[in-house]
N, C-alpha and C. Protein backbone atom coordinates (compact mmCIF):
# COMPACT_ATOMS: atom_id res chain seq x y z
N MET A 1 5.11 23.48 -42.73
CA MET A 1 5.75 23.65 -41.46
C MET A 1 7.22 23.24 -41.53
N LYS A 2 7.53 22.15 -42.30
CA LYS A 2 8.90 21.73 -42.45
C LYS A 2 9.75 22.81 -43.12
N LYS A 3 9.16 23.49 -44.10
CA LYS A 3 9.89 24.56 -44.78
C LYS A 3 10.29 25.65 -43.80
N PHE A 4 9.40 25.97 -42.91
CA PHE A 4 9.69 27.01 -41.92
C PHE A 4 10.87 26.62 -41.05
N TRP A 5 10.89 25.38 -40.55
CA TRP A 5 11.99 24.95 -39.68
C TRP A 5 13.30 24.86 -40.44
N ARG A 6 13.24 24.39 -41.68
CA ARG A 6 14.47 24.31 -42.48
C ARG A 6 15.02 25.69 -42.77
N SER A 7 14.16 26.64 -43.07
CA SER A 7 14.65 27.99 -43.33
C SER A 7 15.18 28.62 -42.04
N LEU A 8 14.56 28.29 -40.92
CA LEU A 8 15.03 28.79 -39.64
C LEU A 8 16.40 28.20 -39.31
N GLU A 9 16.59 26.90 -39.56
CA GLU A 9 17.87 26.25 -39.29
C GLU A 9 18.98 26.77 -40.19
N ALA A 10 18.63 27.25 -41.38
CA ALA A 10 19.63 27.75 -42.32
C ALA A 10 20.12 29.15 -41.93
N SER A 11 19.37 29.85 -41.14
CA SER A 11 19.73 31.21 -40.74
C SER A 11 20.86 31.18 -39.70
N PRO A 12 21.97 31.89 -39.97
CA PRO A 12 23.07 31.90 -39.00
C PRO A 12 22.68 32.51 -37.66
N ILE A 13 21.80 33.48 -37.69
CA ILE A 13 21.36 34.10 -36.43
C ILE A 13 20.57 33.09 -35.60
N ALA A 14 19.66 32.36 -36.25
CA ALA A 14 18.86 31.37 -35.53
C ALA A 14 19.74 30.26 -34.98
N ARG A 15 20.74 29.82 -35.77
CA ARG A 15 21.65 28.78 -35.29
C ARG A 15 22.41 29.26 -34.06
N THR A 16 22.87 30.50 -34.09
CA THR A 16 23.60 31.06 -32.95
C THR A 16 22.70 31.13 -31.71
N VAL A 17 21.46 31.53 -31.92
CA VAL A 17 20.52 31.60 -30.79
C VAL A 17 20.26 30.21 -30.23
N LEU A 18 20.10 29.21 -31.09
CA LEU A 18 19.85 27.85 -30.62
C LEU A 18 21.07 27.27 -29.90
N ILE A 19 22.28 27.57 -30.38
CA ILE A 19 23.48 27.13 -29.68
C ILE A 19 23.56 27.81 -28.31
N GLY A 20 23.26 29.11 -28.28
CA GLY A 20 23.26 29.83 -27.01
C GLY A 20 22.24 29.27 -26.03
N LEU A 21 21.06 28.91 -26.54
CA LEU A 21 20.04 28.30 -25.70
C LEU A 21 20.52 26.96 -25.15
N GLY A 22 21.20 26.18 -26.01
CA GLY A 22 21.74 24.90 -25.57
C GLY A 22 22.78 25.06 -24.47
N VAL A 23 23.68 26.04 -24.64
CA VAL A 23 24.70 26.29 -23.62
C VAL A 23 24.03 26.75 -22.32
N LEU A 24 23.01 27.59 -22.45
CA LEU A 24 22.28 28.05 -21.28
C LEU A 24 21.61 26.88 -20.54
N LEU A 25 21.03 25.95 -21.29
CA LEU A 25 20.41 24.78 -20.66
C LEU A 25 21.45 23.90 -19.97
N ILE A 26 22.61 23.74 -20.60
CA ILE A 26 23.67 22.94 -19.99
C ILE A 26 24.14 23.61 -18.70
N ALA A 27 24.27 24.93 -18.73
CA ALA A 27 24.71 25.66 -17.54
C ALA A 27 23.64 25.62 -16.44
N ALA A 28 22.37 25.54 -16.82
CA ALA A 28 21.29 25.53 -15.83
C ALA A 28 21.06 24.15 -15.22
N SER A 29 21.61 23.11 -15.82
CA SER A 29 21.33 21.76 -15.33
C SER A 29 21.81 21.53 -13.89
N PRO A 30 22.97 22.06 -13.43
CA PRO A 30 23.31 21.86 -12.01
C PRO A 30 22.36 22.59 -11.05
N ILE A 31 21.77 23.67 -11.53
CA ILE A 31 20.82 24.41 -10.69
C ILE A 31 19.52 23.62 -10.54
N VAL A 32 19.10 23.00 -11.64
CA VAL A 32 17.85 22.24 -11.65
C VAL A 32 18.06 20.85 -11.03
N GLY A 33 19.31 20.39 -10.98
CA GLY A 33 19.62 19.05 -10.48
C GLY A 33 19.10 18.72 -9.11
N PRO A 34 19.21 19.60 -8.11
CA PRO A 34 18.74 19.25 -6.77
C PRO A 34 17.22 19.09 -6.64
N ILE A 35 16.47 19.57 -7.60
CA ILE A 35 15.02 19.41 -7.55
C ILE A 35 14.69 17.93 -7.66
N PRO A 36 13.78 17.40 -6.89
CA PRO A 36 13.46 15.97 -6.96
C PRO A 36 13.05 15.55 -8.38
N GLY A 37 13.51 14.39 -8.75
CA GLY A 37 13.23 13.86 -10.07
C GLY A 37 14.44 14.02 -10.97
N PRO A 38 14.33 13.55 -12.20
CA PRO A 38 15.48 13.59 -13.11
C PRO A 38 15.60 14.89 -13.90
N GLY A 39 15.16 16.01 -13.36
CA GLY A 39 15.13 17.27 -14.10
C GLY A 39 16.47 17.72 -14.64
N GLY A 40 17.54 17.62 -13.84
CA GLY A 40 18.85 18.07 -14.28
C GLY A 40 19.36 17.29 -15.47
N ILE A 41 19.11 16.00 -15.48
CA ILE A 41 19.56 15.15 -16.59
C ILE A 41 18.82 15.53 -17.86
N ILE A 42 17.53 15.74 -17.76
CA ILE A 42 16.72 16.08 -18.93
C ILE A 42 17.11 17.44 -19.48
N VAL A 43 17.34 18.41 -18.61
CA VAL A 43 17.75 19.75 -19.05
C VAL A 43 19.12 19.68 -19.72
N PHE A 44 20.05 18.92 -19.13
CA PHE A 44 21.38 18.77 -19.71
C PHE A 44 21.30 18.11 -21.08
N ALA A 45 20.49 17.04 -21.20
CA ALA A 45 20.36 16.34 -22.48
C ALA A 45 19.75 17.24 -23.55
N ALA A 46 18.77 18.06 -23.18
CA ALA A 46 18.17 18.98 -24.15
C ALA A 46 19.19 20.00 -24.63
N GLY A 47 19.98 20.54 -23.71
CA GLY A 47 21.01 21.49 -24.09
C GLY A 47 22.08 20.86 -24.96
N LEU A 48 22.50 19.66 -24.60
CA LEU A 48 23.51 18.95 -25.38
C LEU A 48 23.01 18.66 -26.79
N THR A 49 21.75 18.29 -26.89
CA THR A 49 21.16 18.02 -28.20
C THR A 49 21.18 19.26 -29.07
N LEU A 50 20.80 20.39 -28.53
CA LEU A 50 20.81 21.64 -29.31
C LEU A 50 22.22 22.01 -29.74
N VAL A 51 23.17 21.90 -28.85
CA VAL A 51 24.54 22.26 -29.19
C VAL A 51 25.10 21.30 -30.24
N LEU A 52 24.88 20.00 -30.08
CA LEU A 52 25.38 19.04 -31.06
C LEU A 52 24.73 19.19 -32.43
N LYS A 53 23.48 19.55 -32.46
CA LYS A 53 22.78 19.67 -33.74
C LYS A 53 23.24 20.89 -34.54
N TYR A 54 23.54 21.98 -33.87
CA TYR A 54 23.79 23.23 -34.59
C TYR A 54 25.22 23.73 -34.52
N SER A 55 26.14 23.02 -33.89
CA SER A 55 27.50 23.51 -33.75
C SER A 55 28.50 22.54 -34.38
N GLY A 56 29.31 23.03 -35.30
CA GLY A 56 30.32 22.20 -35.95
C GLY A 56 31.42 21.75 -35.00
N TRP A 57 31.90 22.66 -34.14
CA TRP A 57 32.99 22.29 -33.22
C TRP A 57 32.52 21.25 -32.22
N ALA A 58 31.26 21.32 -31.81
CA ALA A 58 30.74 20.33 -30.86
C ALA A 58 30.61 18.97 -31.53
N LYS A 59 30.24 18.95 -32.80
CA LYS A 59 30.16 17.67 -33.53
C LYS A 59 31.53 17.03 -33.63
N ARG A 60 32.55 17.83 -33.94
CA ARG A 60 33.91 17.29 -34.04
C ARG A 60 34.38 16.74 -32.68
N LEU A 61 34.10 17.48 -31.63
CA LEU A 61 34.46 17.03 -30.29
C LEU A 61 33.73 15.74 -29.93
N TYR A 62 32.47 15.64 -30.32
CA TYR A 62 31.67 14.45 -30.07
C TYR A 62 32.25 13.23 -30.81
N VAL A 63 32.68 13.44 -32.06
CA VAL A 63 33.27 12.34 -32.83
C VAL A 63 34.55 11.86 -32.17
N ARG A 64 35.38 12.81 -31.71
CA ARG A 64 36.61 12.44 -31.01
C ARG A 64 36.29 11.64 -29.73
N PHE A 65 35.29 12.08 -28.99
CA PHE A 65 34.86 11.38 -27.79
C PHE A 65 34.41 9.95 -28.10
N LYS A 66 33.64 9.81 -29.19
CA LYS A 66 33.14 8.48 -29.54
C LYS A 66 34.25 7.55 -29.97
N ARG A 67 35.27 8.08 -30.63
CA ARG A 67 36.40 7.23 -31.03
C ARG A 67 37.20 6.76 -29.82
N LYS A 68 37.32 7.62 -28.84
CA LYS A 68 38.09 7.29 -27.65
C LYS A 68 37.31 6.37 -26.71
N HIS A 69 36.00 6.57 -26.62
CA HIS A 69 35.14 5.79 -25.72
C HIS A 69 33.94 5.25 -26.51
N PRO A 70 34.12 4.16 -27.28
CA PRO A 70 33.02 3.68 -28.14
C PRO A 70 31.77 3.25 -27.37
N LYS A 71 31.94 2.62 -26.22
CA LYS A 71 30.76 2.16 -25.48
C LYS A 71 29.94 3.34 -24.97
N LYS A 72 30.61 4.37 -24.46
CA LYS A 72 29.90 5.57 -24.01
C LYS A 72 29.26 6.29 -25.19
N GLY A 73 29.92 6.22 -26.35
CA GLY A 73 29.35 6.82 -27.55
C GLY A 73 28.05 6.14 -27.96
N GLU A 74 27.99 4.81 -27.79
CA GLU A 74 26.76 4.09 -28.10
C GLU A 74 25.63 4.54 -27.18
N TRP A 75 25.94 4.70 -25.89
CA TRP A 75 24.92 5.16 -24.95
C TRP A 75 24.45 6.57 -25.30
N THR A 76 25.39 7.42 -25.72
CA THR A 76 25.02 8.78 -26.10
C THR A 76 24.14 8.76 -27.33
N ASP A 77 24.51 7.95 -28.32
CA ASP A 77 23.68 7.82 -29.52
C ASP A 77 22.28 7.33 -29.17
N TRP A 78 22.23 6.37 -28.26
CA TRP A 78 20.93 5.85 -27.85
C TRP A 78 20.11 6.95 -27.16
N GLY A 79 20.76 7.70 -26.30
CA GLY A 79 20.06 8.76 -25.58
C GLY A 79 19.60 9.89 -26.48
N LEU A 80 20.39 10.18 -27.50
CA LEU A 80 20.03 11.25 -28.43
C LEU A 80 19.16 10.75 -29.58
N ARG A 81 18.91 9.44 -29.64
CA ARG A 81 18.08 8.83 -30.69
C ARG A 81 18.62 9.16 -32.07
N ARG A 82 19.93 8.99 -32.25
CA ARG A 82 20.58 9.36 -33.50
C ARG A 82 20.31 8.30 -34.57
N ARG A 83 19.78 8.74 -35.70
CA ARG A 83 19.51 7.82 -36.81
C ARG A 83 20.80 7.31 -37.43
N SER A 84 21.86 8.11 -37.38
CA SER A 84 23.13 7.67 -37.95
C SER A 84 23.65 6.43 -37.24
N ALA A 85 23.41 6.33 -35.95
CA ALA A 85 23.85 5.15 -35.21
C ALA A 85 23.07 3.92 -35.67
N LEU A 86 21.80 4.08 -35.91
CA LEU A 86 21.00 2.94 -36.39
C LEU A 86 21.47 2.49 -37.77
N ARG A 87 21.79 3.44 -38.65
CA ARG A 87 22.30 3.08 -39.98
C ARG A 87 23.64 2.37 -39.88
N ARG A 88 24.51 2.87 -39.01
CA ARG A 88 25.84 2.27 -38.84
C ARG A 88 25.72 0.83 -38.34
N HIS A 89 24.86 0.59 -37.38
CA HIS A 89 24.67 -0.77 -36.88
C HIS A 89 24.02 -1.67 -37.92
N ALA A 90 23.12 -1.13 -38.71
CA ALA A 90 22.49 -1.93 -39.76
C ALA A 90 23.51 -2.33 -40.82
N ARG A 91 24.44 -1.43 -41.16
CA ARG A 91 25.49 -1.75 -42.14
C ARG A 91 26.39 -2.86 -41.62
N ARG A 92 26.68 -2.85 -40.34
CA ARG A 92 27.53 -3.89 -39.75
C ARG A 92 26.80 -5.22 -39.61
N GLY A 93 25.49 -5.20 -39.75
CA GLY A 93 24.71 -6.42 -39.60
C GLY A 93 24.43 -6.77 -38.15
N GLU A 94 24.56 -5.78 -37.29
CA GLU A 94 24.31 -6.02 -35.87
C GLU A 94 22.83 -5.88 -35.57
N ALA A 95 22.46 -6.34 -34.40
CA ALA A 95 21.07 -6.20 -33.95
C ALA A 95 20.79 -4.73 -33.64
N ASN A 96 19.56 -4.43 -33.38
CA ASN A 96 19.14 -3.07 -33.03
C ASN A 96 19.92 -2.62 -31.80
N PRO A 97 20.69 -1.51 -31.89
CA PRO A 97 21.51 -1.10 -30.74
C PRO A 97 20.69 -0.71 -29.53
N ARG A 98 19.48 -0.22 -29.73
CA ARG A 98 18.65 0.14 -28.58
C ARG A 98 18.27 -1.11 -27.80
N GLN A 99 18.00 -2.19 -28.53
CA GLN A 99 17.67 -3.44 -27.86
C GLN A 99 18.90 -4.01 -27.16
N GLN A 100 20.08 -3.91 -27.83
CA GLN A 100 21.31 -4.40 -27.22
C GLN A 100 21.60 -3.67 -25.92
N LEU A 101 21.46 -2.35 -25.94
CA LEU A 101 21.78 -1.57 -24.75
C LEU A 101 20.79 -1.87 -23.63
N ALA A 102 19.56 -2.18 -23.97
CA ALA A 102 18.57 -2.51 -22.95
C ALA A 102 18.89 -3.87 -22.31
N ASP A 103 19.49 -4.78 -23.12
CA ASP A 103 19.83 -6.10 -22.62
C ASP A 103 21.06 -6.09 -21.72
N ASP A 104 21.95 -5.10 -21.88
CA ASP A 104 23.21 -5.06 -21.11
C ASP A 104 23.01 -4.82 -19.66
């Protein structure tokens, strides 16, 4: 099953479709927002995750955002469950960032 997903991710057509789906989800989040519950936030986060995972320009923009706003970048990493953030904090010798953010 992993081979299938890796081959799918390597396909430029599939990457384009996934980026398009992410943009569509981001665009749909204000429409879903008025529905009771946290639906708009979840739809926006799912779209953002797809765009960040498969788009180079979005990754560069995200890195710029994190450099300018480090605290917001930590929250974004926590929300996206990024393993790179956990490795970075482990290298610095800091406590688990998810636990730190929960304590704040």
